Amino acid sequence: MAQRAEVLAAIDAYAMGSADLADHLILSLAQGEGSTTLLTFDRRWLKHPGCEVP
């Protein structure tokens, strides 16, 4: 798997966080590609560093 590190990081974050696994996976994969910000309307997810309102 090309993005094994990102997937494992998402699983670890999910185990400790309050968001869904899919949310953590999207953020981890985006960060792996160099993104610094994830745009979301999810109020719970907006509390996470790296997420903001579009």
PDB file of N, CA and C in Angstrom:
ATOM      1  N   MET A   1       0.850  -1.183   0.000  1.00  0.00           N
ATOM      2  CA  MET A   1       0.000   0.000   0.000  1.00  0.00           C
ATOM      3  C   MET A   1       0.891   1.239   0.000  1.00  0.00           C
ATOM      4  N   ALA A   2       0.651   2.124  -0.922  1.00  0.00           N
ATOM      5  CA  ALA A   2       1.482   3.308  -1.092  1.00  0.00           C
ATOM      6  C   ALA A   2       1.363   4.291   0.074  1.00  0.00           C
ATOM      7  N   GLN A   3       0.216   4.354   0.700  1.00  0.00           N
ATOM      8  CA  GLN A   3       0.003   5.326   1.781  1.00  0.00           C
ATOM      9  C   GLN A   3      -0.183   4.639   3.132  1.00  0.00           C
ATOM     10  N   ARG A   4       0.587   3.610   3.360  1.00  0.00           N
ATOM     11  CA  ARG A   4       0.471   2.827   4.592  1.00  0.00           C
ATOM     12  C   ARG A   4       0.648   3.690   5.835  1.00  0.00           C
ATOM     13  N   ALA A   5       1.631   4.560   5.841  1.00  0.00           N
ATOM     14  CA  ALA A   5       1.898   5.404   7.011  1.00  0.00           C
ATOM     15  C   ALA A   5       0.707   6.308   7.319  1.00  0.00           C
ATOM     16  N   GLU A   6       0.098   6.867   6.283  1.00  0.00           N
ATOM     17  CA  GLU A   6      -1.042   7.744   6.480  1.00  0.00           C
ATOM     18  C   GLU A   6      -2.249   6.975   7.023  1.00  0.00           C
ATOM     19  N   VAL A   7      -2.464   5.771   6.516  1.00  0.00           N
ATOM     20  CA  VAL A   7      -3.581   4.942   6.980  1.00  0.00           C
ATOM     21  C   VAL A   7      -3.381   4.562   8.445  1.00  0.00           C
ATOM     22  N   LEU A   8      -2.170   4.164   8.796  1.00  0.00           N
ATOM     23  CA  LEU A   8      -1.891   3.806  10.187  1.00  0.00           C
ATOM     24  C   LEU A   8      -2.037   5.010  11.119  1.00  0.00           C
ATOM     25  N   ALA A   9      -1.601   6.182  10.666  1.00  0.00           N
ATOM     26  CA  ALA A   9      -1.759   7.398  11.460  1.00  0.00           C
ATOM     27  C   ALA A   9      -3.242   7.713  11.663  1.00  0.00           C
ATOM     28  N   ALA A  10      -4.050   7.519  10.637  1.00  0.00           N
ATOM     29  CA  ALA A  10      -5.494   7.766  10.735  1.00  0.00           C
ATOM     30  C   ALA A  10      -6.138   6.805  11.728  1.00  0.00           C
ATOM     31  N   ILE A  11      -5.732   5.558  11.706  1.00  0.00           N
ATOM     32  CA  ILE A  11      -6.276   4.571  12.642  1.00  0.00           C
ATOM     33  C   ILE A  11      -5.908   4.936  14.073  1.00  0.00           C
ATOM     34  N   ASP A  12      -4.670   5.342  14.291  1.00  0.00           N
ATOM     35  CA  ASP A  12      -4.240   5.761  15.633  1.00  0.00           C
ATOM     36  C   ASP A  12      -5.017   6.983  16.106  1.00  0.00           C
ATOM     37  N   ALA A  13      -5.190   7.964  15.221  1.00  0.00           N
ATOM     38  CA  ALA A  13      -5.921   9.179  15.577  1.00  0.00           C
ATOM     39  C   ALA A  13      -7.382   8.856  15.878  1.00  0.00           C
ATOM     40  N   TYR A  14      -7.963   7.951  15.121  1.00  0.00           N
ATOM     41  CA  TYR A  14      -9.349   7.537  15.339  1.00  0.00           C
ATOM     42  C   TYR A  14      -9.513   6.894  16.718  1.00  0.00           C
ATOM     43  N   ALA A  15      -8.554   6.093  17.094  1.00  0.00           N
ATOM     44  CA  ALA A  15      -8.623   5.417  18.395  1.00  0.00           C
ATOM     45  C   ALA A  15      -8.603   6.413  19.551  1.00  0.00           C
ATOM     46  N   MET A  16      -7.994   7.570  19.342  1.00  0.00           N
ATOM     47  CA  MET A  16      -7.879   8.570  20.406  1.00  0.00           C
ATOM     48  C   MET A  16      -8.814   9.759  20.212  1.00  0.00           C
ATOM     49  N   GLY A  17      -9.426   9.891  19.036  1.00  0.00           N
ATOM     50  CA  GLY A  17     -10.180  11.094  18.720  1.00  0.00           C
ATOM     51  C   GLY A  17     -11.681  10.946  18.793  1.00  0.00           C
ATOM     52  N   SER A  18     -12.351  12.002  18.365  1.00  0.00           N
ATOM     53  CA  SER A  18     -13.813  12.027  18.430  1.00  0.00           C
ATOM     54  C   SER A  18     -14.471  11.989  17.054  1.00  0.00           C
ATOM     55  N   ALA A  19     -13.690  11.975  16.018  1.00  0.00           N
ATOM     56  CA  ALA A  19     -14.252  11.971  14.664  1.00  0.00           C
ATOM     57  C   ALA A  19     -14.306  10.547  14.111  1.00  0.00           C
ATOM     58  N   ASP A  20     -14.995  10.394  13.004  1.00  0.00           N
ATOM     59  CA  ASP A  20     -15.096   9.093  12.345  1.00  0.00           C
ATOM     60  C   ASP A  20     -13.764   8.718  11.699  1.00  0.00           C
ATOM     61  N   LEU A  21     -13.586   7.430  11.483  1.00  0.00           N
ATOM     62  CA  LEU A  21     -12.365   6.953  10.831  1.00  0.00           C
ATOM     63  C   LEU A  21     -12.208   7.592   9.456  1.00  0.00           C
ATOM     64  N   ALA A  22     -13.298   7.730   8.720  1.00  0.00           N
ATOM     65  CA  ALA A  22     -13.222   8.334   7.385  1.00  0.00           C
ATOM     66  C   ALA A  22     -12.678   9.760   7.454  1.00  0.00           C
ATOM     67  N   ASP A  23     -13.100  10.519   8.465  1.00  0.00           N
ATOM     68  CA  ASP A  23     -12.602  11.886   8.623  1.00  0.00           C
ATOM     69  C   ASP A  23     -11.096  11.885   8.873  1.00  0.00           C
ATOM     70  N   HIS A  24     -10.660  11.027   9.770  1.00  0.00           N
ATOM     71  CA  HIS A  24      -9.226  10.945  10.067  1.00  0.00           C
ATOM     72  C   HIS A  24      -8.434  10.484   8.850  1.00  0.00           C
ATOM     73  N   LEU A  25      -9.000   9.570   8.087  1.00  0.00           N
ATOM     74  CA  LEU A  25      -8.317   9.080   6.889  1.00  0.00           C
ATOM     75  C   LEU A  25      -8.189  10.184   5.839  1.00  0.00           C
ATOM     76  N   ILE A  26      -9.248  10.939   5.626  1.00  0.00           N
ATOM     77  CA  ILE A  26      -9.202  12.050   4.664  1.00  0.00           C
ATOM     78  C   ILE A  26      -8.134  13.059   5.067  1.00  0.00           C
ATOM     79  N   LEU A  27      -8.111  13.430   6.353  1.00  0.00           N
ATOM     80  CA  LEU A  27      -7.129  14.401   6.820  1.00  0.00           C
ATOM     81  C   LEU A  27      -5.708  13.854   6.699  1.00  0.00           C
ATOM     82  N   SER A  28      -5.498  12.626   7.106  1.00  0.00           N
ATOM     83  CA  SER A  28      -4.162  12.038   7.060  1.00  0.00           C
ATOM     84  C   SER A  28      -3.644  11.918   5.624  1.00  0.00           C
ATOM     85  N   LEU A  29      -4.499  11.495   4.713  1.00  0.00           N
ATOM     86  CA  LEU A  29      -4.084  11.376   3.306  1.00  0.00           C
ATOM     87  C   LEU A  29      -3.805  12.750   2.700  1.00  0.00           C
ATOM     88  N   ALA A  30      -4.623  13.731   3.048  1.00  0.00           N
ATOM     89  CA  ALA A  30      -4.400  15.093   2.545  1.00  0.00           C
ATOM     90  C   ALA A  30      -3.078  15.648   3.064  1.00  0.00           C
ATOM     91  N   GLN A  31      -2.805  15.435   4.347  1.00  0.00           N
ATOM     92  CA  GLN A  31      -1.543  15.907   4.914  1.00  0.00           C
ATOM     93  C   GLN A  31      -0.358  15.182   4.284  1.00  0.00           C
ATOM     94  N   GLY A  32      -0.537  13.919   3.968  1.00  0.00           N
ATOM     95  CA  GLY A  32       0.513  13.161   3.303  1.00  0.00           C
ATOM     96  C   GLY A  32       0.846  13.692   1.923  1.00  0.00           C
ATOM     97  N   GLU A  33      -0.130  14.361   1.307  1.00  0.00           N
ATOM     98  CA  GLU A  33       0.069  14.964  -0.010  1.00  0.00           C
ATOM     99  C   GLU A  33       0.517  16.418   0.084  1.00  0.00           C
ATOM    100  N   GLY A  34       0.703  16.905   1.322  1.00  0.00           N
ATOM    101  CA  GLY A  34       1.222  18.251   1.497  1.00  0.00           C
ATOM    102  C   GLY A  34       0.202  19.307   1.882  1.00  0.00           C
ATOM    103  N   SER A  35      -1.054  18.927   2.039  1.00  0.00           N
ATOM    104  CA  SER A  35      -2.072  19.890   2.423  1.00  0.00           C
ATOM    105  C   SER A  35      -1.890  20.288   3.885  1.00  0.00           C
ATOM    106  N   THR A  36      -2.115  21.553   4.181  1.00  0.00           N
ATOM    107  CA  THR A  36      -1.991  22.023   5.561  1.00  0.00           C
ATOM    108  C   THR A  36      -3.345  22.301   6.194  1.00  0.00           C
ATOM    109  N   THR A  37      -4.409  22.374   5.375  1.00  0.00           N
ATOM    110  CA  THR A  37      -5.735  22.703   5.889  1.00  0.00           C
ATOM    111  C   THR A  37      -6.790  21.829   5.229  1.00  0.00           C
ATOM    112  N   LEU A  38      -7.709  21.338   6.048  1.00  0.00           N
ATOM    113  CA  LEU A  38      -8.858  20.587   5.548  1.00  0.00           C
ATOM    114  C   LEU A  38     -10.099  21.435   5.793  1.00  0.00           C
ATOM    115  N   LEU A  39     -10.851  21.705   4.748  1.00  0.00           N
ATOM    116  CA  LEU A  39     -12.058  22.510   4.868  1.00  0.00           C
ATOM    117  C   LEU A  39     -13.240  21.599   5.177  1.00  0.00           C
ATOM    118  N   THR A  40     -14.027  21.973   6.199  1.00  0.00           N
ATOM    119  CA  THR A  40     -15.161  21.160   6.613  1.00  0.00           C
ATOM    120  C   THR A  40     -16.247  22.009   7.247  1.00  0.00           C
ATOM    121  N   PHE A  41     -17.478  21.508   7.204  1.00  0.00           N
ATOM    122  CA  PHE A  41     -18.598  22.141   7.884  1.00  0.00           C
ATOM    123  C   PHE A  41     -18.945  21.393   9.177  1.00  0.00           C
ATOM    124  N   ASP A  42     -18.270  20.297   9.446  1.00  0.00           N
ATOM    125  CA  ASP A  42     -18.512  19.478  10.638  1.00  0.00           C
ATOM    126  C   ASP A  42     -18.015  20.218  11.878  1.00  0.00           C
ATOM    127  N   ARG A  43     -18.932  20.625  12.737  1.00  0.00           N
ATOM    128  CA  ARG A  43     -18.567  21.439  13.906  1.00  0.00           C
ATOM    129  C   ARG A  43     -17.628  20.716  14.858  1.00  0.00           C
ATOM    130  N   ARG A  44     -17.842  19.418  15.053  1.00  0.00           N
ATOM    131  CA  ARG A  44     -16.935  18.662  15.930  1.00  0.00           C
ATOM    132  C   ARG A  44     -15.534  18.603  15.329  1.00  0.00           C
ATOM    133  N   TRP A  45     -15.476  18.425  14.041  1.00  0.00           N
ATOM    134  CA  TRP A  45     -14.199  18.269  13.352  1.00  0.00           C
ATOM    135  C   TRP A  45     -13.445  19.598  13.275  1.00  0.00           C
ATOM    136  N   LEU A  46     -14.167  20.718  13.338  1.00  0.00           N
ATOM    137  CA  LEU A  46     -13.524  22.029  13.301  1.00  0.00           C
ATOM    138  C   LEU A  46     -12.650  22.280  14.524  1.00  0.00           C
ATOM    139  N   LYS A  47     -12.851  21.528  15.582  1.00  0.00           N
ATOM    140  CA  LYS A  47     -12.020  21.659  16.781  1.00  0.00           C
ATOM    141  C   LYS A  47     -10.648  21.026  16.586  1.00  0.00           C
ATOM    142  N   HIS A  48     -10.513  20.239  15.551  1.00  0.00           N
ATOM    143  CA  HIS A  48      -9.255  19.547  15.269  1.00  0.00           C
ATOM    144  C   HIS A  48      -8.265  20.497  14.583  1.00  0.00           C
ATOM    145  N   PRO A  49      -7.016  20.480  15.014  1.00  0.00           N
ATOM    146  CA  PRO A  49      -6.006  21.326  14.330  1.00  0.00           C
ATOM    147  C   PRO A  49      -5.905  20.954  12.851  1.00  0.00           C
ATOM    148  N   GLY A  50      -5.824  21.939  12.027  1.00  0.00           N
ATOM    149  CA  GLY A  50      -5.699  21.690  10.593  1.00  0.00           C
ATOM    150  C   GLY A  50      -7.023  21.724   9.852  1.00  0.00           C
ATOM    151  N   CYS A  51      -8.133  21.917  10.577  1.00  0.00           N
ATOM    152  CA  CYS A  51      -9.448  21.985   9.948  1.00  0.00           C
ATOM    153  C   CYS A  51     -10.025  23.386  10.121  1.00  0.00           C
ATOM    154  N   GLU A  52     -10.708  23.856   9.095  1.00  0.00           N
ATOM    155  CA  GLU A  52     -11.359  25.160   9.183  1.00  0.00           C
ATOM    156  C   GLU A  52     -12.559  25.221   8.260  1.00  0.00           C
ATOM    157  N   VAL A  53     -13.389  26.252   8.461  1.00  0.00           N
ATOM    158  CA  VAL A  53     -14.585  26.466   7.654  1.00  0.00           C
ATOM    159  C   VAL A  53     -14.163  26.997   6.284  1.00  0.00           C
ATOM    160  N   PRO A  54     -14.787  26.477   5.215  1.00  0.00           N
ATOM    161  CA  PRO A  54     -14.454  26.999   3.877  1.00  0.00           C
ATOM    162  C   PRO A  54     -14.880  28.435   3.695  1.00  0.00           C
TER     163      PRO A  54
END
